[in-house]
Each structure stands twice: as structure tokens, then as C-alpha cells.
Amino acid sequence: WMQNVALSWLVYRMTHSAFLLGVVGFAGQIPTFFITPFAGVF
């Protein structure tokens, strides 16, 4: 949880962009959508 908060603050401090906050969140979680179903079989 420390990393989650620090990462969002770092991105916003570097870019001041709500859109890039969304992009980073998307990048970190999109593998779950595509890989997790196969991971369940594994």
C-alpha cells in the first residue's frame, strides 16, 4: 500500500496529468484481465 500511494503521487508529480494516472493504472492491471483466466487453469 505504501508503494501504491507513492507510485500515484510520483506519476502525478512528474506529469500533473489525470489521464496519465489512468494510463499507469491501466498498465498495471490490464494483464489481470487477459492472463488471469489461464492462470486459474495453472
PDB file of all heavy atoms in Angstrom:
ATOM      1  N   TRP A   1       0.826  -1.208   0.000  1.00  0.00           N
ATOM      2  CA  TRP A   1       0.000   0.000   0.000  1.00  0.00           C
ATOM      3  C   TRP A   1       0.860   1.258   0.000  1.00  0.00           C
ATOM      4  O   TRP A   1       0.486   2.276  -0.598  1.00  0.00           O
ATOM      5  CB  TRP A   1      -0.954  -0.008   1.189  1.00  0.00           C
ATOM      6  CG  TRP A   1      -2.187  -0.788   0.880  1.00  0.00           C
ATOM      7  CD1 TRP A   1      -2.524  -2.024   1.333  1.00  0.00           C
ATOM      8  CD2 TRP A   1      -3.242  -0.399  -0.013  1.00  0.00           C
ATOM      9  NE1 TRP A   1      -3.716  -2.429   0.795  1.00  0.00           N
ATOM     10  CE2 TRP A   1      -4.185  -1.449  -0.028  1.00  0.00           C
ATOM     11  CE3 TRP A   1      -3.476   0.731  -0.787  1.00  0.00           C
ATOM     12  CZ2 TRP A   1      -5.350  -1.396  -0.787  1.00  0.00           C
ATOM     13  CZ3 TRP A   1      -4.641   0.783  -1.555  1.00  0.00           C
ATOM     14  CH2 TRP A   1      -5.555  -0.268  -1.551  1.00  0.00           C
ATOM     15  N   MET A   2       2.017   1.196   0.639  1.00  0.00           N
ATOM     16  CA  MET A   2       2.940   2.326   0.568  1.00  0.00           C
ATOM     17  C   MET A   2       3.368   2.566  -0.872  1.00  0.00           C
ATOM     18  O   MET A   2       3.418   3.704  -1.344  1.00  0.00           O
ATOM     19  CB  MET A   2       4.161   2.057   1.454  1.00  0.00           C
ATOM     20  CG  MET A   2       3.878   2.076   2.947  1.00  0.00           C
ATOM     21  SD  MET A   2       5.315   1.604   3.947  1.00  0.00           S
ATOM     22  CE  MET A   2       6.461   2.936   3.520  1.00  0.00           C
ATOM     23  N   GLN A   3       3.658   1.468  -1.590  1.00  0.00           N
ATOM     24  CA  GLN A   3       4.071   1.604  -2.990  1.00  0.00           C
ATOM     25  C   GLN A   3       2.936   2.139  -3.850  1.00  0.00           C
ATOM     26  O   GLN A   3       3.171   2.979  -4.738  1.00  0.00           O
ATOM     27  CB  GLN A   3       4.536   0.256  -3.532  1.00  0.00           C
ATOM     28  CG  GLN A   3       4.835   0.279  -5.029  1.00  0.00           C
ATOM     29  CD  GLN A   3       5.726  -0.856  -5.473  1.00  0.00           C
ATOM     30  OE1 GLN A   3       6.734  -1.154  -4.843  1.00  0.00           O
ATOM     31  NE2 GLN A   3       5.361  -1.500  -6.576  1.00  0.00           N
ATOM     32  N   ASN A   4       1.705   1.676  -3.622  1.00  0.00           N
ATOM     33  CA  ASN A   4       0.576   2.146  -4.422  1.00  0.00           C
ATOM     34  C   ASN A   4       0.396   3.662  -4.327  1.00  0.00           C
ATOM     35  O   ASN A   4       0.204   4.353  -5.336  1.00  0.00           O
ATOM     36  CB  ASN A   4      -0.711   1.453  -3.962  1.00  0.00           C
ATOM     37  CG  ASN A   4      -0.750  -0.010  -4.334  1.00  0.00           C
ATOM     38  OD1 ASN A   4       0.011  -0.473  -5.173  1.00  0.00           O
ATOM     39  ND2 ASN A   4      -1.628  -0.761  -3.689  1.00  0.00           N
ATOM     40  N   VAL A   5       0.458   4.176  -3.084  1.00  0.00           N
ATOM     41  CA  VAL A   5       0.283   5.609  -2.878  1.00  0.00           C
ATOM     42  C   VAL A   5       1.464   6.381  -3.459  1.00  0.00           C
ATOM     43  O   VAL A   5       1.296   7.401  -4.148  1.00  0.00           O
ATOM     44  CB  VAL A   5       0.129   5.923  -1.374  1.00  0.00           C
ATOM     45  CG1 VAL A   5       0.141   7.429  -1.131  1.00  0.00           C
ATOM     46  CG2 VAL A   5      -1.180   5.338  -0.852  1.00  0.00           C
ATOM     47  N   ALA A   6       2.669   5.898  -3.191  1.00  0.00           N
ATOM     48  CA  ALA A   6       3.870   6.592  -3.675  1.00  0.00           C
ATOM     49  C   ALA A   6       3.914   6.622  -5.199  1.00  0.00           C
ATOM     50  O   ALA A   6       4.339   7.621  -5.798  1.00  0.00           O
ATOM     51  CB  ALA A   6       5.122   5.917  -3.116  1.00  0.00           C
ATOM     52  N   LEU A   7       3.474   5.538  -5.833  1.00  0.00           N
ATOM     53  CA  LEU A   7       3.511   5.483  -7.295  1.00  0.00           C
ATOM     54  C   LEU A   7       2.540   6.480  -7.904  1.00  0.00           C
ATOM     55  O   LEU A   7       2.888   7.200  -8.859  1.00  0.00           O
ATOM     56  CB  LEU A   7       3.189   4.063  -7.772  1.00  0.00           C
ATOM     57  CG  LEU A   7       3.387   3.810  -9.264  1.00  0.00           C
ATOM     58  CD1 LEU A   7       4.861   3.938  -9.627  1.00  0.00           C
ATOM     59  CD2 LEU A   7       2.877   2.427  -9.645  1.00  0.00           C
ATOM     60  N   SER A   8       1.307   6.552  -7.369  1.00  0.00           N
ATOM     61  CA  SER A   8       0.343   7.507  -7.917  1.00  0.00           C
ATOM     62  C   SER A   8       0.813   8.939  -7.700  1.00  0.00           C
ATOM     63  O   SER A   8       0.654   9.800  -8.584  1.00  0.00           O
ATOM     64  CB  SER A   8      -1.037   7.295  -7.285  1.00  0.00           C
ATOM     65  OG  SER A   8      -1.010   7.566  -5.901  1.00  0.00           O
ATOM     66  N   TRP A   9       1.419   9.212  -6.538  1.00  0.00           N
ATOM     67  CA  TRP A   9       1.928  10.560  -6.276  1.00  0.00           C
ATOM     68  C   TRP A   9       3.097  10.891  -7.194  1.00  0.00           C
ATOM     69  O   TRP A   9       3.201  11.999  -7.718  1.00  0.00           O
ATOM     70  CB  TRP A   9       2.341  10.701  -4.817  1.00  0.00           C
ATOM     71  CG  TRP A   9       2.755  12.106  -4.472  1.00  0.00           C
ATOM     72  CD1 TRP A   9       4.026  12.618  -4.407  1.00  0.00           C
ATOM     73  CD2 TRP A   9       1.887  13.210  -4.191  1.00  0.00           C
ATOM     74  NE1 TRP A   9       3.998  13.949  -4.090  1.00  0.00           N
ATOM     75  CE2 TRP A   9       2.696  14.342  -3.948  1.00  0.00           C
ATOM     76  CE3 TRP A   9       0.494  13.347  -4.126  1.00  0.00           C
ATOM     77  CZ2 TRP A   9       2.152  15.589  -3.648  1.00  0.00           C
ATOM     78  CZ3 TRP A   9      -0.038  14.580  -3.814  1.00  0.00           C
ATOM     79  CH2 TRP A   9       0.780  15.680  -3.578  1.00  0.00           C
ATOM     80  N   LEU A  10       3.975   9.915  -7.419  1.00  0.00           N
ATOM     81  CA  LEU A  10       5.131  10.122  -8.295  1.00  0.00           C
ATOM     82  C   LEU A  10       4.686  10.456  -9.711  1.00  0.00           C
ATOM     83  O   LEU A  10       5.196  11.395 -10.340  1.00  0.00           O
ATOM     84  CB  LEU A  10       6.007   8.864  -8.298  1.00  0.00           C
ATOM     85  CG  LEU A  10       7.215   8.858  -9.244  1.00  0.00           C
ATOM     86  CD1 LEU A  10       8.235   9.915  -8.818  1.00  0.00           C
ATOM     87  CD2 LEU A  10       7.861   7.475  -9.278  1.00  0.00           C
ATOM     88  N   VAL A  11       3.723   9.686 -10.221  1.00  0.00           N
ATOM     89  CA  VAL A  11       3.232   9.926 -11.579  1.00  0.00           C
ATOM     90  C   VAL A  11       2.600  11.310 -11.690  1.00  0.00           C
ATOM     91  O   VAL A  11       2.861  12.052 -12.652  1.00  0.00           O
ATOM     92  CB  VAL A  11       2.218   8.832 -11.991  1.00  0.00           C
ATOM     93  CG1 VAL A  11       1.544   9.190 -13.311  1.00  0.00           C
ATOM     94  CG2 VAL A  11       2.908   7.484 -12.091  1.00  0.00           C
ATOM     95  N   TYR A  12       1.787  11.670 -10.708  1.00  0.00           N
ATOM     96  CA  TYR A  12       1.117  12.971 -10.773  1.00  0.00           C
ATOM     97  C   TYR A  12       2.104  14.118 -10.588  1.00  0.00           C
ATOM     98  O   TYR A  12       1.979  15.166 -11.231  1.00  0.00           O
ATOM     99  CB  TYR A  12       0.011  13.044  -9.714  1.00  0.00           C
ATOM    100  CG  TYR A  12      -0.972  14.174  -9.963  1.00  0.00           C
ATOM    101  CD1 TYR A  12      -1.784  14.173 -11.095  1.00  0.00           C
ATOM    102  CD2 TYR A  12      -1.070  15.242  -9.082  1.00  0.00           C
ATOM    103  CE1 TYR A  12      -2.677  15.202 -11.339  1.00  0.00           C
ATOM    104  CE2 TYR A  12      -1.970  16.278  -9.312  1.00  0.00           C
ATOM    105  CZ  TYR A  12      -2.764  16.251 -10.442  1.00  0.00           C
ATOM    106  OH  TYR A  12      -3.645  17.279 -10.674  1.00  0.00           O
ATOM    107  N   ARG A  13       3.109  13.919  -9.747  1.00  0.00           N
ATOM    108  CA  ARG A  13       4.141  14.952  -9.549  1.00  0.00           C
ATOM    109  C   ARG A  13       4.954  15.161 -10.824  1.00  0.00           C
ATOM    110  O   ARG A  13       5.318  16.287 -11.180  1.00  0.00           O
ATOM    111  CB  ARG A  13       5.065  14.549  -8.401  1.00  0.00           C
ATOM    112  CG  ARG A  13       6.217  15.541  -8.160  1.00  0.00           C
ATOM    113  CD  ARG A  13       7.051  15.151  -6.968  1.00  0.00           C
ATOM    114  NE  ARG A  13       7.747  13.891  -7.121  1.00  0.00           N
ATOM    115  CZ  ARG A  13       8.886  13.737  -7.792  1.00  0.00           C
ATOM    116  NH1 ARG A  13       9.447  14.764  -8.401  1.00  0.00           N
ATOM    117  NH2 ARG A  13       9.463  12.553  -7.868  1.00  0.00           N
ATOM    118  N   MET A  14       5.216  14.070 -11.548  1.00  0.00           N
ATOM    119  CA  MET A  14       6.022  14.154 -12.757  1.00  0.00           C
ATOM    120  C   MET A  14       5.239  14.719 -13.938  1.00  0.00           C
ATOM    121  O   MET A  14       5.816  15.398 -14.798  1.00  0.00           O
ATOM    122  CB  MET A  14       6.571  12.762 -13.126  1.00  0.00           C
ATOM    123  CG  MET A  14       7.613  12.212 -12.152  1.00  0.00           C
ATOM    124  SD  MET A  14       8.083  10.491 -12.536  1.00  0.00           S
ATOM    125  CE  MET A  14       8.837  10.686 -14.162  1.00  0.00           C
ATOM    126  N   THR A  15       3.936  14.444 -14.002  1.00  0.00           N
ATOM    127  CA  THR A  15       3.171  14.762 -15.212  1.00  0.00           C
ATOM    128  C   THR A  15       2.028  15.755 -15.007  1.00  0.00           C
ATOM    129  O   THR A  15       1.601  16.394 -15.968  1.00  0.00           O
ATOM    130  CB  THR A  15       2.559  13.479 -15.789  1.00  0.00           C
ATOM    131  OG1 THR A  15       1.583  12.962 -14.874  1.00  0.00           O
ATOM    132  CG2 THR A  15       3.630  12.422 -16.013  1.00  0.00           C
ATOM    133  N   HIS A  16       1.498  15.863 -13.779  1.00  0.00           N
ATOM    134  CA  HIS A  16       0.295  16.676 -13.492  1.00  0.00           C
ATOM    135  C   HIS A  16      -0.841  16.324 -14.436  1.00  0.00           C
ATOM    136  O   HIS A  16      -1.598  17.188 -14.878  1.00  0.00           O
ATOM    137  CB  HIS A  16       0.624  18.169 -13.587  1.00  0.00           C
ATOM    138  CG  HIS A  16       1.645  18.611 -12.590  1.00  0.00           C
ATOM    139  ND1 HIS A  16       1.374  18.757 -11.250  1.00  0.00           N
ATOM    140  CD2 HIS A  16       2.965  18.916 -12.742  1.00  0.00           C
ATOM    141  CE1 HIS A  16       2.469  19.144 -10.614  1.00  0.00           C
ATOM    142  NE2 HIS A  16       3.448  19.243 -11.493  1.00  0.00           N
ATOM    143  N   SER A  17      -0.962  15.032 -14.750  1.00  0.00           N
ATOM    144  CA  SER A  17      -1.957  14.591 -15.731  1.00  0.00           C
ATOM    145  C   SER A  17      -2.848  13.507 -15.141  1.00  0.00           C
ATOM    146  O   SER A  17      -2.375  12.426 -14.767  1.00  0.00           O
ATOM    147  CB  SER A  17      -1.256  14.046 -16.981  1.00  0.00           C
ATOM    148  OG  SER A  17      -2.176  13.393 -17.838  1.00  0.00           O
ATOM    149  N   ALA A  18      -4.167  13.777 -15.088  1.00  0.00           N
ATOM    150  CA  ALA A  18      -5.123  12.757 -14.652  1.00  0.00           C
ATOM    151  C   ALA A  18      -5.186  11.621 -15.672  1.00  0.00           C
ATOM    152  O   ALA A  18      -5.373  10.460 -15.315  1.00  0.00           O
ATOM    153  CB  ALA A  18      -6.510  13.377 -14.480  1.00  0.00           C
ATOM    154  N   PHE A  19      -4.998  11.969 -16.952  1.00  0.00           N
ATOM    155  CA  PHE A  19      -5.020  10.955 -17.995  1.00  0.00           C
ATOM    156  C   PHE A  19      -3.892   9.946 -17.811  1.00  0.00           C
ATOM    157  O   PHE A  19      -4.092   8.726 -17.913  1.00  0.00           O
ATOM    158  CB  PHE A  19      -4.915  11.611 -19.373  1.00  0.00           C
ATOM    159  CG  PHE A  19      -4.792  10.627 -20.512  1.00  0.00           C
ATOM    160  CD1 PHE A  19      -5.883   9.860 -20.892  1.00  0.00           C
ATOM    161  CD2 PHE A  19      -3.585  10.453 -21.176  1.00  0.00           C
ATOM    162  CE1 PHE A  19      -5.782   8.943 -21.931  1.00  0.00           C
ATOM    163  CE2 PHE A  19      -3.476   9.541 -22.210  1.00  0.00           C
ATOM    164  CZ  PHE A  19      -4.563   8.787 -22.594  1.00  0.00           C
ATOM    165  N   LEU A  20      -2.666  10.419 -17.515  1.00  0.00           N
ATOM    166  CA  LEU A  20      -1.537   9.509 -17.326  1.00  0.00           C
ATOM    167  C   LEU A  20      -1.670   8.693 -16.045  1.00  0.00           C
ATOM    168  O   LEU A  20      -1.171   7.562 -15.973  1.00  0.00           O
ATOM    169  CB  LEU A  20      -0.217  10.285 -17.337  1.00  0.00           C
ATOM    170  CG  LEU A  20       0.283  10.683 -18.729  1.00  0.00           C
ATOM    171  CD1 LEU A  20       1.531  11.537 -18.646  1.00  0.00           C
ATOM    172  CD2 LEU A  20       0.545   9.435 -19.580  1.00  0.00           C
ATOM    173  N   LEU A  21      -2.349   9.246 -15.050  1.00  0.00           N
ATOM    174  CA  LEU A  21      -2.670   8.437 -13.878  1.00  0.00           C
ATOM    175  C   LEU A  21      -3.516   7.234 -14.291  1.00  0.00           C
ATOM    176  O   LEU A  21      -3.295   6.109 -13.847  1.00  0.00           O
ATOM    177  CB  LEU A  21      -3.431   9.268 -12.842  1.00  0.00           C
ATOM    178  CG  LEU A  21      -2.618  10.161 -11.901  1.00  0.00           C
ATOM    179  CD1 LEU A  21      -3.555  11.039 -11.072  1.00  0.00           C
ATOM    180  CD2 LEU A  21      -1.724   9.328 -10.989  1.00  0.00           C
ATOM    181  N   GLY A  22      -4.480   7.496 -15.164  1.00  0.00           N
ATOM    182  CA  GLY A  22      -5.321   6.421 -15.672  1.00  0.00           C
ATOM    183  C   GLY A  22      -4.534   5.429 -16.514  1.00  0.00           C
ATOM    184  O   GLY A  22      -4.758   4.224 -16.434  1.00  0.00           O
ATOM    185  N   VAL A  23      -3.594   5.924 -17.316  1.00  0.00           N
ATOM    186  CA  VAL A  23      -2.779   5.057 -18.171  1.00  0.00           C
ATOM    187  C   VAL A  23      -1.925   4.123 -17.324  1.00  0.00           C
ATOM    188  O   VAL A  23      -1.830   2.914 -17.600  1.00  0.00           O
ATOM    189  CB  VAL A  23      -1.898   5.897 -19.117  1.00  0.00           C
ATOM    190  CG1 VAL A  23      -0.861   5.006 -19.812  1.00  0.00           C
ATOM    191  CG2 VAL A  23      -2.753   6.611 -20.157  1.00  0.00           C
ATOM    192  N   VAL A  24      -1.283   4.655 -16.294  1.00  0.00           N
ATOM    193  CA  VAL A  24      -0.437   3.831 -15.426  1.00  0.00           C
ATOM    194  C   VAL A  24      -1.277   2.797 -14.683  1.00  0.00           C
ATOM    195  O   VAL A  24      -0.896   1.626 -14.562  1.00  0.00           O
ATOM    196  CB  VAL A  24       0.352   4.713 -14.432  1.00  0.00           C
ATOM    197  CG1 VAL A  24       1.073   3.854 -13.392  1.00  0.00           C
ATOM    198  CG2 VAL A  24       1.361   5.580 -15.171  1.00  0.00           C
ATOM    199  N   GLY A  25      -2.457   3.217 -14.201  1.00  0.00           N
ATOM    200  CA  GLY A  25      -3.351   2.259 -13.562  1.00  0.00           C
ATOM    201  C   GLY A  25      -3.787   1.168 -14.524  1.00  0.00           C
ATOM    202  O   GLY A  25      -3.830  -0.017 -14.171  1.00  0.00           O
ATOM    203  N   PHE A  26      -4.082   1.557 -15.762  1.00  0.00           N
ATOM    204  CA  PHE A  26      -4.469   0.600 -16.803  1.00  0.00           C
ATOM    205  C   PHE A  26      -3.340  -0.387 -17.067  1.00  0.00           C
ATOM    206  O   PHE A  26      -3.556  -1.600 -17.143  1.00  0.00           O
ATOM    207  CB  PHE A  26      -4.815   1.364 -18.077  1.00  0.00           C
ATOM    208  CG  PHE A  26      -5.191   0.490 -19.242  1.00  0.00           C
ATOM    209  CD1 PHE A  26      -6.487   0.029 -19.386  1.00  0.00           C
ATOM    210  CD2 PHE A  26      -4.242   0.145 -20.192  1.00  0.00           C
ATOM    211  CE1 PHE A  26      -6.841  -0.775 -20.468  1.00  0.00           C
ATOM    212  CE2 PHE A  26      -4.581  -0.657 -21.269  1.00  0.00           C
ATOM    213  CZ  PHE A  26      -5.888  -1.122 -21.413  1.00  0.00           C
ATOM    214  N   ALA A  27      -2.108   0.121 -17.188  1.00  0.00           N
ATOM    215  CA  ALA A  27      -0.962  -0.727 -17.499  1.00  0.00           C
ATOM    216  C   ALA A  27      -0.707  -1.755 -16.398  1.00  0.00           C
ATOM    217  O   ALA A  27      -0.358  -2.907 -16.676  1.00  0.00           O
ATOM    218  CB  ALA A  27       0.286   0.138 -17.694  1.00  0.00           C
ATOM    219  N   GLY A  28      -0.904  -1.337 -15.147  1.00  0.00           N
ATOM    220  CA  GLY A  28      -0.632  -2.238 -14.039  1.00  0.00           C
ATOM    221  C   GLY A  28      -1.684  -3.308 -13.839  1.00  0.00           C
ATOM    222  O   GLY A  28      -1.407  -4.339 -13.212  1.00  0.00           O
ATOM    223  N   GLN A  29      -2.869  -3.094 -14.388  1.00  0.00           N
ATOM    224  CA  GLN A  29      -3.966  -4.018 -14.094  1.00  0.00           C
ATOM    225  C   GLN A  29      -4.514  -4.754 -15.312  1.00  0.00           C
ATOM    226  O   GLN A  29      -5.215  -5.756 -15.159  1.00  0.00           O
ATOM    227  CB  GLN A  29      -5.105  -3.240 -13.408  1.00  0.00           C
ATOM    228  CG  GLN A  29      -4.707  -2.734 -12.034  1.00  0.00           C
ATOM    229  CD  GLN A  29      -5.459  -1.472 -11.629  1.00  0.00           C
ATOM    230  OE1 GLN A  29      -6.065  -0.792 -12.460  1.00  0.00           O
ATOM    231  NE2 GLN A  29      -5.416  -1.145 -10.349  1.00  0.00           N
ATOM    232  N   ILE A  30      -4.160  -4.306 -16.513  1.00  0.00           N
ATOM    233  CA  ILE A  30      -4.694  -4.954 -17.704  1.00  0.00           C
ATOM    234  C   ILE A  30      -4.232  -6.401 -17.849  1.00  0.00           C
ATOM    235  O   ILE A  30      -4.988  -7.247 -18.359  1.00  0.00           O
ATOM    236  CB  ILE A  30      -4.363  -4.141 -18.991  1.00  0.00           C
ATOM    237  CG1 ILE A  30      -5.126  -4.688 -20.198  1.00  0.00           C
ATOM    238  CG2 ILE A  30      -2.866  -4.112 -19.252  1.00  0.00           C
ATOM    239  CD1 ILE A  30      -6.628  -4.643 -20.055  1.00  0.00           C
ATOM    240  N   PRO A  31      -3.003  -6.768 -17.407  1.00  0.00           N
ATOM    241  CA  PRO A  31      -2.630  -8.188 -17.503  1.00  0.00           C
ATOM    242  C   PRO A  31      -3.589  -9.103 -16.758  1.00  0.00           C
ATOM    243  O   PRO A  31      -3.780 -10.259 -17.154  1.00  0.00           O
ATOM    244  CB  PRO A  31      -1.221  -8.222 -16.873  1.00  0.00           C
ATOM    245  CG  PRO A  31      -0.684  -6.847 -17.089  1.00  0.00           C
ATOM    246  CD  PRO A  31      -1.876  -5.953 -16.907  1.00  0.00           C
ATOM    247  N   THR A  32      -4.182  -8.598 -15.682  1.00  0.00           N
ATOM    248  CA  THR A  32      -5.120  -9.408 -14.911  1.00  0.00           C
ATOM    249  C   THR A  32      -6.290  -9.852 -15.777  1.00  0.00           C
ATOM    250  O   THR A  32      -6.763 -10.995 -15.674  1.00  0.00           O
ATOM    251  CB  THR A  32      -5.652  -8.616 -13.700  1.00  0.00           C
ATOM    252  OG1 THR A  32      -4.553  -8.129 -12.942  1.00  0.00           O
ATOM    253  CG2 THR A  32      -6.519  -9.485 -12.810  1.00  0.00           C
ATOM    254  N   PHE A  33      -6.758  -8.971 -16.640  1.00  0.00           N
ATOM    255  CA  PHE A  33      -7.911  -9.281 -17.484  1.00  0.00           C
ATOM    256  C   PHE A  33      -7.592 -10.390 -18.477  1.00  0.00           C
ATOM    257  O   PHE A  33      -8.401 -11.294 -18.697  1.00  0.00           O
ATOM    258  CB  PHE A  33      -8.359  -8.022 -18.223  1.00  0.00           C
ATOM    259  CG  PHE A  33      -9.591  -8.210 -19.064  1.00  0.00           C
ATOM    260  CD1 PHE A  33     -10.847  -8.159 -18.489  1.00  0.00           C
ATOM    261  CD2 PHE A  33      -9.494  -8.444 -20.428  1.00  0.00           C
ATOM    262  CE1 PHE A  33     -11.990  -8.344 -19.255  1.00  0.00           C
ATOM    263  CE2 PHE A  33     -10.617  -8.626 -21.208  1.00  0.00           C
ATOM    264  CZ  PHE A  33     -11.876  -8.567 -20.616  1.00  0.00           C
ATOM    265  N   PHE A  34      -6.409 -10.350 -19.095  1.00  0.00           N
ATOM    266  CA  PHE A  34      -6.078 -11.291 -20.151  1.00  0.00           C
ATOM    267  C   PHE A  34      -5.414 -12.574 -19.648  1.00  0.00           C
ATOM    268  O   PHE A  34      -5.606 -13.653 -20.231  1.00  0.00           O
ATOM    269  CB  PHE A  34      -5.156 -10.621 -21.182  1.00  0.00           C
ATOM    270  CG  PHE A  34      -5.840  -9.562 -21.999  1.00  0.00           C
ATOM    271  CD1 PHE A  34      -5.581  -8.222 -21.776  1.00  0.00           C
ATOM    272  CD2 PHE A  34      -6.766  -9.896 -22.971  1.00  0.00           C
ATOM    273  CE1 PHE A  34      -6.211  -7.231 -22.512  1.00  0.00           C
ATOM    274  CE2 PHE A  34      -7.408  -8.915 -23.720  1.00  0.00           C
ATOM    275  CZ  PHE A  34      -7.128  -7.586 -23.488  1.00  0.00           C
ATOM    276  N   ILE A  35      -4.616 -12.474 -18.582  1.00  0.00           N
ATOM    277  CA  ILE A  35      -3.822 -13.623 -18.140  1.00  0.00           C
ATOM    278  C   ILE A  35      -4.513 -14.446 -17.064  1.00  0.00           C
ATOM    279  O   ILE A  35      -4.378 -15.671 -17.030  1.00  0.00           O
ATOM    280  CB  ILE A  35      -2.440 -13.135 -17.632  1.00  0.00           C
ATOM    281  CG1 ILE A  35      -1.680 -12.440 -18.762  1.00  0.00           C
ATOM    282  CG2 ILE A  35      -1.617 -14.303 -17.091  1.00  0.00           C
ATOM    283  CD1 ILE A  35      -0.354 -11.841 -18.327  1.00  0.00           C
ATOM    284  N   THR A  36      -5.268 -13.787 -16.174  1.00  0.00           N
ATOM    285  CA  THR A  36      -5.824 -14.471 -15.016  1.00  0.00           C
ATOM    286  C   THR A  36      -6.658 -15.702 -15.355  1.00  0.00           C
ATOM    287  O   THR A  36      -6.552 -16.726 -14.667  1.00  0.00           O
ATOM    288  CB  THR A  36      -6.656 -13.493 -14.161  1.00  0.00           C
ATOM    289  OG1 THR A  36      -5.775 -12.495 -13.635  1.00  0.00           O
ATOM    290  CG2 THR A  36      -7.320 -14.193 -13.004  1.00  0.00           C
ATOM    291  N   PRO A  37      -7.523 -15.691 -16.395  1.00  0.00           N
ATOM    292  CA  PRO A  37      -8.287 -16.907 -16.698  1.00  0.00           C
ATOM    293  C   PRO A  37      -7.391 -18.122 -16.961  1.00  0.00           C
ATOM    294  O   PRO A  37      -7.693 -19.233 -16.511  1.00  0.00           O
ATOM    295  CB  PRO A  37      -9.080 -16.517 -17.950  1.00  0.00           C
ATOM    296  CG  PRO A  37      -9.217 -15.032 -17.844  1.00  0.00           C
ATOM    297  CD  PRO A  37      -7.918 -14.565 -17.263  1.00  0.00           C
ATOM    298  N   PHE A  38      -6.279 -17.914 -17.682  1.00  0.00           N
ATOM    299  CA  PHE A  38      -5.338 -19.009 -17.933  1.00  0.00           C
ATOM    300  C   PHE A  38      -4.582 -19.368 -16.662  1.00  0.00           C
ATOM    301  O   PHE A  38      -4.256 -20.532 -16.426  1.00  0.00           O
ATOM    302  CB  PHE A  38      -4.361 -18.615 -19.046  1.00  0.00           C
ATOM    303  CG  PHE A  38      -5.029 -18.321 -20.352  1.00  0.00           C
ATOM    304  CD1 PHE A  38      -5.324 -17.015 -20.722  1.00  0.00           C
ATOM    305  CD2 PHE A  38      -5.378 -19.348 -21.217  1.00  0.00           C
ATOM    306  CE1 PHE A  38      -5.947 -16.740 -21.922  1.00  0.00           C
ATOM    307  CE2 PHE A  38      -6.002 -19.078 -22.434  1.00  0.00           C
ATOM    308  CZ  PHE A  38      -6.290 -17.768 -22.786  1.00  0.00           C
ATOM    309  N   ALA A  39      -4.311 -18.352 -15.848  1.00  0.00           N
ATOM    310  CA  ALA A  39      -3.633 -18.594 -14.577  1.00  0.00           C
ATOM    311  C   ALA A  39      -4.471 -19.491 -13.680  1.00  0.00           C
ATOM    312  O   ALA A  39      -3.931 -20.309 -12.928  1.00  0.00           O
ATOM    313  CB  ALA A  39      -3.340 -17.269 -13.872  1.00  0.00           C
ATOM    314  N   GLY A  40      -5.797 -19.354 -13.757  1.00  0.00           N
ATOM    315  CA  GLY A  40      -6.675 -20.200 -12.960  1.00  0.00           C
ATOM    316  C   GLY A  40      -6.500 -21.677 -13.299  1.00  0.00           C
ATOM    317  O   GLY A  40      -6.487 -22.533 -12.408  1.00  0.00           O
ATOM    318  N   VAL A  41      -6.365 -21.993 -14.583  1.00  0.00           N
ATOM    319  CA  VAL A  41      -6.103 -23.371 -15.003  1.00  0.00           C
ATOM    320  C   VAL A  41      -4.769 -23.832 -14.431  1.00  0.00           C
ATOM    321  O   VAL A  41      -4.631 -24.952 -13.912  1.00  0.00           O
ATOM    322  CB  VAL A  41      -6.094 -23.483 -16.542  1.00  0.00           C
ATOM    323  CG1 VAL A  41      -5.734 -24.910 -16.976  1.00  0.00           C
ATOM    324  CG2 VAL A  41      -7.444 -23.077 -17.119  1.00  0.00           C
ATOM    325  N   PHE A  42      -3.762 -22.970 -14.497  1.00  0.00           N
ATOM    326  CA  PHE A  42      -2.424 -23.266 -13.990  1.00  0.00           C
ATOM    327  C   PHE A  42      -2.472 -23.545 -12.492  1.00  0.00           C
ATOM    328  O   PHE A  42      -1.832 -24.468 -11.987  1.00  0.00           O
ATOM    329  CB  PHE A  42      -1.504 -22.076 -14.290  1.00  0.00           C
ATOM    330  CG  PHE A  42      -0.041 -22.405 -14.244  1.00  0.00           C
ATOM    331  CD1 PHE A  42       0.547 -23.175 -15.232  1.00  0.00           C
ATOM    332  CD2 PHE A  42       0.748 -21.944 -13.200  1.00  0.00           C
ATOM    333  CE1 PHE A  42       1.902 -23.481 -15.192  1.00  0.00           C
ATOM    334  CE2 PHE A  42       2.093 -22.246 -13.145  1.00  0.00           C
ATOM    335  CZ  PHE A  42       2.673 -23.014 -14.149  1.00  0.00           C
TER     336      PHE A  42
END
